[in-house]
N, C-alpha and C. Protein backbone atom coordinates (compact mmCIF):
# COMPACT_ATOMS: atom_id res chain seq x y z
N MET A 1 114.32 119.64 109.72
CA MET A 1 115.19 118.52 110.02
C MET A 1 114.46 117.45 110.82
N ARG A 2 113.65 117.87 111.78
CA ARG A 2 112.95 116.92 112.62
C ARG A 2 111.91 116.13 111.84
N ILE A 3 111.23 116.79 110.90
CA ILE A 3 110.22 116.11 110.09
C ILE A 3 110.89 115.06 109.21
N GLN A 4 112.04 115.39 108.62
CA GLN A 4 112.72 114.43 107.76
C GLN A 4 113.20 113.23 108.58
N THR A 5 113.68 113.45 109.78
CA THR A 5 114.11 112.36 110.65
C THR A 5 112.93 111.46 110.99
N ARG A 6 111.78 112.06 111.25
CA ARG A 6 110.59 111.28 111.56
C ARG A 6 110.16 110.45 110.35
N GLN A 7 110.25 111.03 109.15
CA GLN A 7 109.89 110.29 107.95
C GLN A 7 110.83 109.12 107.70
N VAL A 8 112.11 109.33 107.91
CA VAL A 8 113.07 108.24 107.74
C VAL A 8 112.80 107.14 108.77
N ALA A 9 112.51 107.51 110.00
CA ALA A 9 112.22 106.52 111.03
C ALA A 9 110.96 105.72 110.69
N GLN A 10 109.93 106.39 110.20
CA GLN A 10 108.71 105.68 109.80
C GLN A 10 108.97 104.76 108.63
N ALA A 11 109.79 105.20 107.68
CA ALA A 11 110.13 104.35 106.53
C ALA A 11 110.90 103.11 106.97
N VAL A 12 111.83 103.27 107.90
CA VAL A 12 112.61 102.14 108.39
C VAL A 12 111.70 101.14 109.10
N ILE A 13 110.75 101.63 109.87
CA ILE A 13 109.82 100.74 110.56
C ILE A 13 108.96 99.98 109.56
N LEU A 14 108.49 100.65 108.52
CA LEU A 14 107.69 99.98 107.50
C LEU A 14 108.50 98.93 106.74
N VAL A 15 109.76 99.23 106.45
CA VAL A 15 110.63 98.24 105.80
C VAL A 15 110.81 97.03 106.71
N ALA A 16 111.02 97.27 107.99
CA ALA A 16 111.20 96.16 108.94
C ALA A 16 109.95 95.30 109.02
N ILE A 17 108.78 95.92 109.03
CA ILE A 17 107.54 95.15 109.06
C ILE A 17 107.38 94.33 107.79
N GLY A 18 107.65 94.95 106.65
CA GLY A 18 107.51 94.24 105.37
C GLY A 18 108.46 93.07 105.23
N VAL A 19 109.69 93.23 105.72
CA VAL A 19 110.67 92.15 105.62
C VAL A 19 110.39 91.06 106.66
N ALA A 20 110.04 91.46 107.86
CA ALA A 20 109.83 90.48 108.93
C ALA A 20 108.63 89.58 108.67
N LEU A 21 107.58 90.10 108.06
CA LEU A 21 106.38 89.30 107.83
C LEU A 21 106.37 88.59 106.48
N SER A 22 107.31 88.90 105.61
CA SER A 22 107.27 88.31 104.27
C SER A 22 107.42 86.79 104.24
N PRO A 23 108.23 86.14 105.08
CA PRO A 23 108.28 84.68 105.00
C PRO A 23 106.99 83.99 105.43
N PHE A 24 106.18 84.67 106.23
CA PHE A 24 104.98 84.05 106.77
C PHE A 24 103.73 84.31 105.92
N THR A 25 103.76 85.37 105.11
CA THR A 25 102.54 85.75 104.39
C THR A 25 102.63 85.57 102.88
N SER A 26 103.77 85.16 102.35
CA SER A 26 103.89 85.03 100.89
C SER A 26 103.46 83.62 100.46
N PHE A 27 102.88 83.56 99.27
CA PHE A 27 102.47 82.28 98.69
C PHE A 27 102.68 82.36 97.19
N PRO A 28 102.99 81.22 96.57
CA PRO A 28 103.29 81.24 95.13
C PRO A 28 102.03 81.24 94.27
N ILE A 29 102.08 82.05 93.22
CA ILE A 29 101.07 82.03 92.16
C ILE A 29 101.86 82.09 90.85
N GLY A 30 101.93 80.98 90.16
CA GLY A 30 102.73 80.91 88.95
C GLY A 30 104.20 81.06 89.29
N ILE A 31 104.86 82.01 88.63
CA ILE A 31 106.28 82.22 88.89
C ILE A 31 106.52 83.28 89.96
N ALA A 32 105.46 83.91 90.43
CA ALA A 32 105.59 84.99 91.42
C ALA A 32 105.29 84.46 92.83
N LYS A 33 105.89 85.11 93.80
CA LYS A 33 105.54 84.87 95.20
C LYS A 33 104.78 86.10 95.68
N VAL A 34 103.49 85.97 95.80
CA VAL A 34 102.63 87.09 96.18
C VAL A 34 102.75 87.32 97.68
N ASN A 35 102.86 88.58 98.06
CA ASN A 35 103.02 88.93 99.46
C ASN A 35 102.02 90.03 99.82
N PRO A 36 100.90 89.68 100.44
CA PRO A 36 99.92 90.70 100.80
C PRO A 36 100.45 91.73 101.80
N THR A 37 101.39 91.34 102.64
CA THR A 37 101.96 92.27 103.59
C THR A 37 102.69 93.40 102.87
N GLN A 38 103.36 93.08 101.77
CA GLN A 38 104.05 94.10 100.97
C GLN A 38 103.06 95.14 100.47
N HIS A 39 101.91 94.71 100.01
CA HIS A 39 100.92 95.65 99.51
C HIS A 39 100.33 96.50 100.63
N PHE A 40 100.13 95.89 101.79
CA PHE A 40 99.66 96.65 102.94
C PHE A 40 100.67 97.72 103.35
N VAL A 41 101.94 97.34 103.39
CA VAL A 41 103.00 98.30 103.74
C VAL A 41 103.08 99.41 102.69
N ASN A 42 102.90 99.06 101.41
CA ASN A 42 102.91 100.06 100.35
C ASN A 42 101.80 101.10 100.55
N ILE A 43 100.63 100.64 100.89
CA ILE A 43 99.50 101.57 101.08
C ILE A 43 99.72 102.43 102.31
N VAL A 44 100.16 101.84 103.40
CA VAL A 44 100.42 102.61 104.61
C VAL A 44 101.53 103.63 104.36
N GLY A 45 102.57 103.23 103.66
CA GLY A 45 103.66 104.15 103.35
C GLY A 45 103.22 105.29 102.47
N ALA A 46 102.38 105.00 101.48
CA ALA A 46 101.89 106.06 100.59
C ALA A 46 101.00 107.04 101.33
N VAL A 47 100.18 106.53 102.24
CA VAL A 47 99.28 107.42 102.98
C VAL A 47 100.06 108.27 103.99
N LEU A 48 100.98 107.65 104.71
CA LEU A 48 101.72 108.38 105.74
C LEU A 48 102.81 109.28 105.18
N LEU A 49 103.53 108.81 104.16
CA LEU A 49 104.74 109.51 103.73
C LEU A 49 104.67 110.08 102.32
N GLY A 50 103.82 109.54 101.48
CA GLY A 50 103.73 110.02 100.11
C GLY A 50 104.22 108.97 99.12
N PRO A 51 103.97 109.21 97.84
CA PRO A 51 104.27 108.19 96.83
C PRO A 51 105.76 107.92 96.64
N TRP A 52 106.61 108.94 96.73
CA TRP A 52 108.03 108.71 96.51
C TRP A 52 108.66 107.92 97.65
N TRP A 53 108.23 108.19 98.87
CA TRP A 53 108.71 107.40 100.00
C TRP A 53 108.22 105.96 99.88
N ALA A 54 106.96 105.78 99.49
CA ALA A 54 106.42 104.43 99.33
C ALA A 54 107.18 103.67 98.24
N LEU A 55 107.55 104.37 97.18
CA LEU A 55 108.34 103.76 96.11
C LEU A 55 109.69 103.29 96.64
N ALA A 56 110.35 104.11 97.42
CA ALA A 56 111.64 103.73 98.00
C ALA A 56 111.50 102.57 98.98
N ILE A 57 110.45 102.60 99.79
CA ILE A 57 110.21 101.51 100.74
C ILE A 57 110.00 100.20 99.99
N ALA A 58 109.20 100.23 98.93
CA ALA A 58 108.94 99.02 98.14
C ALA A 58 110.21 98.49 97.49
N ALA A 59 111.06 99.37 97.01
CA ALA A 59 112.32 98.95 96.38
C ALA A 59 113.24 98.29 97.40
N ILE A 60 113.31 98.87 98.59
CA ILE A 60 114.19 98.31 99.63
C ILE A 60 113.66 96.96 100.10
N ILE A 61 112.36 96.86 100.30
CA ILE A 61 111.78 95.59 100.73
C ILE A 61 111.99 94.53 99.64
N GLY A 62 111.79 94.89 98.38
CA GLY A 62 112.00 93.95 97.29
C GLY A 62 113.43 93.46 97.22
N ALA A 63 114.38 94.37 97.42
CA ALA A 63 115.79 93.97 97.39
C ALA A 63 116.14 93.03 98.54
N ILE A 64 115.63 93.34 99.72
CA ILE A 64 115.92 92.48 100.87
C ILE A 64 115.24 91.13 100.72
N ARG A 65 113.99 91.12 100.22
CA ARG A 65 113.30 89.84 100.00
C ARG A 65 114.04 88.98 99.00
N ASN A 66 114.56 89.58 97.93
CA ASN A 66 115.32 88.81 96.96
C ASN A 66 116.63 88.32 97.54
N ALA A 67 117.28 89.12 98.36
CA ALA A 67 118.53 88.70 98.99
C ALA A 67 118.32 87.54 99.95
N LEU A 68 117.17 87.53 100.62
CA LEU A 68 116.86 86.45 101.55
C LEU A 68 116.29 85.21 100.85
N GLY A 69 115.92 85.34 99.58
CA GLY A 69 115.34 84.22 98.85
C GLY A 69 113.85 84.05 99.08
N VAL A 70 113.21 85.04 99.64
CA VAL A 70 111.78 84.97 99.93
C VAL A 70 110.95 85.51 98.76
N GLY A 71 111.54 86.35 97.93
CA GLY A 71 110.81 86.96 96.83
C GLY A 71 111.40 86.59 95.48
N THR A 72 110.76 87.09 94.43
CA THR A 72 111.25 86.91 93.08
C THR A 72 111.53 88.29 92.48
N LEU A 73 112.03 88.30 91.27
CA LEU A 73 112.30 89.58 90.61
C LEU A 73 111.02 90.34 90.32
N LEU A 74 109.89 89.67 90.34
CA LEU A 74 108.61 90.35 90.12
C LEU A 74 108.21 91.23 91.30
N ALA A 75 108.94 91.13 92.41
CA ALA A 75 108.67 92.00 93.55
C ALA A 75 108.97 93.45 93.23
N PHE A 76 109.92 93.69 92.33
CA PHE A 76 110.28 95.07 92.00
C PHE A 76 109.19 95.78 91.20
N PRO A 77 108.80 95.27 90.04
CA PRO A 77 107.77 96.03 89.30
C PRO A 77 106.42 96.03 90.01
N GLY A 78 106.04 94.90 90.58
CA GLY A 78 104.74 94.84 91.25
C GLY A 78 104.67 95.73 92.47
N GLY A 79 105.67 95.64 93.31
CA GLY A 79 105.66 96.44 94.53
C GLY A 79 105.85 97.92 94.29
N MET A 80 106.75 98.26 93.38
CA MET A 80 107.06 99.67 93.17
C MET A 80 105.95 100.39 92.41
N ILE A 81 105.38 99.76 91.42
CA ILE A 81 104.25 100.39 90.70
C ILE A 81 103.05 100.50 91.62
N GLY A 82 102.78 99.44 92.39
CA GLY A 82 101.67 99.49 93.32
C GLY A 82 101.85 100.54 94.40
N ALA A 83 103.06 100.71 94.88
CA ALA A 83 103.32 101.73 95.90
C ALA A 83 103.14 103.12 95.34
N PHE A 84 103.62 103.35 94.13
CA PHE A 84 103.50 104.67 93.54
C PHE A 84 102.05 105.01 93.24
N LEU A 85 101.27 104.03 92.80
CA LEU A 85 99.87 104.29 92.49
C LEU A 85 98.99 104.38 93.74
N ALA A 86 99.46 103.85 94.85
CA ALA A 86 98.67 103.91 96.09
C ALA A 86 98.55 105.34 96.55
């Protein structure tokens, strides 16, 4: 139980970092808004928590970025595939 609580807490912190830094680090390339912070969070999440946690973190960050208008729909396939492969 304690390990799962720690993993959830780490995931929440990574989501907060990814969302908080996304307005400052994203830049447009074509129709996509590239966010290097998202990729950094994906790699850190995959190393610390594993690929499935990183996939969930990327999905949550992508949804929040789209809700805030900071991201595009390309945040989902790019972030989630990159997180799983990390």
